[in-house]
Amino acid sequence: MKRNQRSRLYDMLLYVVFAFYIVFLGFALFRTHHSTRSLNLIPFQSITAYLAGGDRILYAFALSNVLGNIALFIPLGVYIFLFRREKKVLPCTLWVVLVSLSVEIVQYVSKMGIGDIDDVILNGLGGFIGAVICKLVWNGCRDADQLRRVVAIGAPVGAAVCFGILFLYNR
């Protein structure tokens, strides 16, 4: 297969995996309906309350929630880094924070979740981690095609491992 055909194949695979990620993200973020609206605008309030509690079950839920919010947005940081012409971590992180803030507003307004600034912080941290990982791989790659190949193949494998760990932890 010629280099140009391979490049298009990896690009197509990258976009297909990204589309599956967006669908999964939508299901993960908008799967429940609440009867009342809840909003937390005080940074670290819910994280601290969860983790400081003495209840083991609540602590396990909190840890899973914190890690899940971070892990869920790592791929978005990677994809935004890849899709932007400018390969800088900070703008990618800001885009992730804007997406997360938009999600929290929609969740609050639609009662499909709880609006929480802590989620925005954790999601932004996840996007930052994803962008940093991508930047490190970008610096180690010979060209953009190699980076797309690494992400197109590595993203589904990484996602399966992360979801497997979260599944085993939450059993």
Protein backbone atom coordinates (compact mmCIF):
# COMPACT_ATOMS: atom_id res chain seq x y z
CA MET A 1 0.00 0.00 0.00
CA LYS A 2 1.35 3.43 -0.91
CA ARG A 3 2.24 5.96 1.78
CA ASN A 4 -0.56 8.34 0.74
CA GLN A 5 -3.17 5.55 0.87
CA ARG A 6 -1.92 4.44 4.29
CA SER A 7 -2.07 8.01 5.53
CA ARG A 8 -5.70 8.34 4.40
CA LEU A 9 -6.54 4.99 5.97
CA TYR A 10 -5.08 6.08 9.34
CA ASP A 11 -6.89 9.43 9.07
CA MET A 12 -10.17 7.62 8.43
CA LEU A 13 -9.53 5.28 11.37
CA LEU A 14 -8.69 8.28 13.55
CA TYR A 15 -11.98 10.01 12.68
CA VAL A 16 -14.01 6.83 13.18
CA VAL A 17 -12.47 6.26 16.61
CA PHE A 18 -13.09 9.94 17.44
CA ALA A 19 -16.75 9.58 16.43
CA PHE A 20 -17.14 6.52 18.69
CA TYR A 21 -15.50 8.45 21.52
CA ILE A 22 -17.93 11.37 21.09
CA VAL A 23 -20.92 8.99 21.12
CA PHE A 24 -19.58 7.24 24.22
CA LEU A 25 -18.91 10.59 25.88
CA GLY A 26 -22.48 11.68 25.18
CA PHE A 27 -23.87 8.51 26.75
CA ALA A 28 -21.55 8.82 29.75
CA LEU A 29 -22.43 12.46 30.39
CA PHE A 30 -26.16 12.49 29.68
CA ARG A 31 -27.41 9.09 30.82
CA THR A 32 -29.41 10.04 33.91
CA HIS A 33 -32.26 12.43 34.54
CA HIS A 34 -32.62 14.11 37.93
CA SER A 35 -35.88 15.42 39.38
CA THR A 36 -34.20 18.55 40.76
CA ARG A 37 -31.40 20.79 39.65
CA SER A 38 -28.18 20.89 41.61
CA LEU A 39 -25.29 23.29 41.13
CA ASN A 40 -21.90 23.56 42.83
CA LEU A 41 -19.84 26.64 42.01
CA ILE A 42 -17.34 26.30 44.87
CA PRO A 43 -14.10 24.72 43.60
CA PHE A 44 -13.07 21.43 45.28
CA GLN A 45 -16.18 21.36 47.51
CA SER A 46 -17.63 18.08 46.26
CA ILE A 47 -14.20 16.45 45.82
CA THR A 48 -13.25 17.32 49.40
CA ALA A 49 -16.60 16.23 50.79
CA TYR A 50 -16.39 12.89 49.00
CA LEU A 51 -12.80 12.10 49.87
CA ALA A 52 -12.91 13.38 53.47
CA GLY A 53 -15.90 11.22 54.39
CA GLY A 54 -15.30 8.19 56.56
CA ASP A 55 -17.62 5.88 54.60
CA ARG A 56 -15.63 3.34 52.56
CA ILE A 57 -18.34 2.94 49.95
CA LEU A 58 -18.66 6.72 49.50
CA TYR A 59 -14.85 7.01 49.32
CA ALA A 60 -14.68 4.31 46.63
CA PHE A 61 -17.43 6.10 44.67
CA ALA A 62 -15.63 9.43 45.07
CA LEU A 63 -12.30 8.02 43.91
CA SER A 64 -14.01 6.38 40.95
CA ASN A 65 -15.80 9.66 40.15
CA VAL A 66 -12.59 11.70 40.35
CA LEU A 67 -10.57 9.25 38.26
CA GLY A 68 -13.45 8.76 35.84
CA ASN A 69 -13.84 12.51 35.23
CA ILE A 70 -10.13 12.77 34.50
CA ALA A 71 -9.93 9.63 32.34
CA LEU A 72 -13.06 10.48 30.35
CA PHE A 73 -11.52 13.69 29.00
CA ILE A 74 -7.93 12.55 28.34
CA PRO A 75 -8.90 11.47 24.79
CA LEU A 76 -10.52 14.86 24.10
CA GLY A 77 -7.21 16.55 24.93
CA VAL A 78 -5.46 14.18 22.53
CA TYR A 79 -7.94 14.73 19.70
CA ILE A 80 -8.03 18.51 20.07
CA PHE A 81 -4.22 18.51 20.02
CA LEU A 82 -4.24 16.43 16.84
CA PHE A 83 -6.93 18.43 15.06
CA ARG A 84 -5.45 21.86 15.81
CA ARG A 85 -2.83 23.27 13.51
CA GLU A 86 -1.03 24.87 16.44
CA LYS A 87 0.45 22.06 18.57
CA LYS A 88 0.36 23.73 22.00
CA VAL A 89 -0.91 22.24 25.25
CA LEU A 90 -2.51 25.32 26.85
CA PRO A 91 -4.96 26.16 24.03
CA CYS A 92 -5.98 22.49 23.84
CA THR A 93 -6.60 22.45 27.59
CA LEU A 94 -8.68 25.62 27.35
CA TRP A 95 -10.83 24.04 24.62
CA VAL A 96 -11.41 21.00 26.84
CA VAL A 97 -12.40 23.29 29.73
CA LEU A 98 -14.84 25.15 27.45
CA VAL A 99 -16.37 21.87 26.26
CA SER A 100 -16.64 20.64 29.85
CA LEU A 101 -18.20 23.91 31.01
CA SER A 102 -20.73 23.68 28.17
CA VAL A 103 -21.56 20.10 29.18
CA GLU A 104 -22.08 21.13 32.81
CA ILE A 105 -24.39 23.98 31.77
CA VAL A 106 -26.43 21.65 29.54
CA GLN A 107 -26.57 19.03 32.32
CA TYR A 108 -27.83 21.62 34.80
CA VAL A 109 -30.41 23.17 32.47
CA SER A 110 -31.72 19.83 31.17
CA LYS A 111 -31.58 18.04 34.56
CA MET A 112 -29.46 15.35 32.87
CA GLY A 113 -26.73 15.69 35.47
CA ILE A 114 -25.43 17.89 38.22
CA GLY A 115 -23.67 21.14 37.37
CA ASP A 116 -20.37 21.00 39.26
CA ILE A 117 -17.29 23.19 38.89
CA ASP A 118 -15.25 20.29 40.25
CA ASP A 119 -16.18 18.27 37.16
CA VAL A 120 -14.92 21.11 34.95
CA ILE A 121 -11.63 21.17 36.90
CA LEU A 122 -11.19 17.38 36.70
CA ASN A 123 -12.20 17.24 33.04
CA GLY A 124 -9.75 20.07 32.29
CA LEU A 125 -7.03 18.12 34.10
CA GLY A 126 -7.85 15.09 31.96
CA GLY A 127 -7.66 17.18 28.78
CA PHE A 128 -4.35 18.65 29.94
CA ILE A 129 -2.94 15.15 30.55
CA GLY A 130 -4.11 14.05 27.10
CA ALA A 131 -2.58 17.09 25.41
CA VAL A 132 0.72 16.63 27.29
CA ILE A 133 0.88 12.96 26.33
CA CYS A 134 0.18 13.87 22.72
CA LYS A 135 2.81 16.65 22.81
CA LEU A 136 5.41 14.20 24.14
CA VAL A 137 4.55 11.68 21.42
CA TRP A 138 4.51 14.52 18.85
CA ASN A 139 8.03 15.54 19.89
CA GLY A 140 9.20 11.92 19.53
CA CYS A 141 7.60 11.29 16.13
CA ARG A 142 9.23 11.85 12.80
CA ASP A 143 6.11 13.34 11.20
CA ALA A 144 2.39 13.98 11.59
CA ASP A 145 1.49 10.72 9.84
CA GLN A 146 3.37 8.74 12.47
CA LEU A 147 1.52 10.55 15.27
CA ARG A 148 -1.88 9.89 13.65
CA ARG A 149 -0.93 6.24 13.26
CA VAL A 150 0.07 5.99 16.93
CA VAL A 151 -3.19 7.61 18.08
CA ALA A 152 -5.43 5.78 15.60
CA ILE A 153 -4.13 2.44 16.85
CA GLY A 154 -3.28 3.36 20.43
CA ALA A 155 -6.50 5.21 21.33
CA PRO A 156 -8.86 2.21 21.16
CA VAL A 157 -6.34 0.03 22.99
CA GLY A 158 -5.80 2.68 25.68
CA ALA A 159 -9.54 3.23 26.05
CA ALA A 160 -10.18 -0.50 26.45
CA VAL A 161 -7.52 -0.72 29.16
CA CYS A 162 -8.85 2.35 31.03
CA PHE A 163 -12.46 1.17 30.91
CA GLY A 164 -11.38 -2.31 31.95
CA ILE A 165 -9.60 -0.89 34.99
CA LEU A 166 -12.58 1.29 35.91
CA PHE A 167 -14.93 -1.69 35.45
CA LEU A 168 -12.81 -3.94 37.66
CA TYR A 169 -12.47 -1.20 40.28
CA ASN A 170 -16.24 -0.58 40.41
CA ARG A 171 -17.29 -4.25 40.66
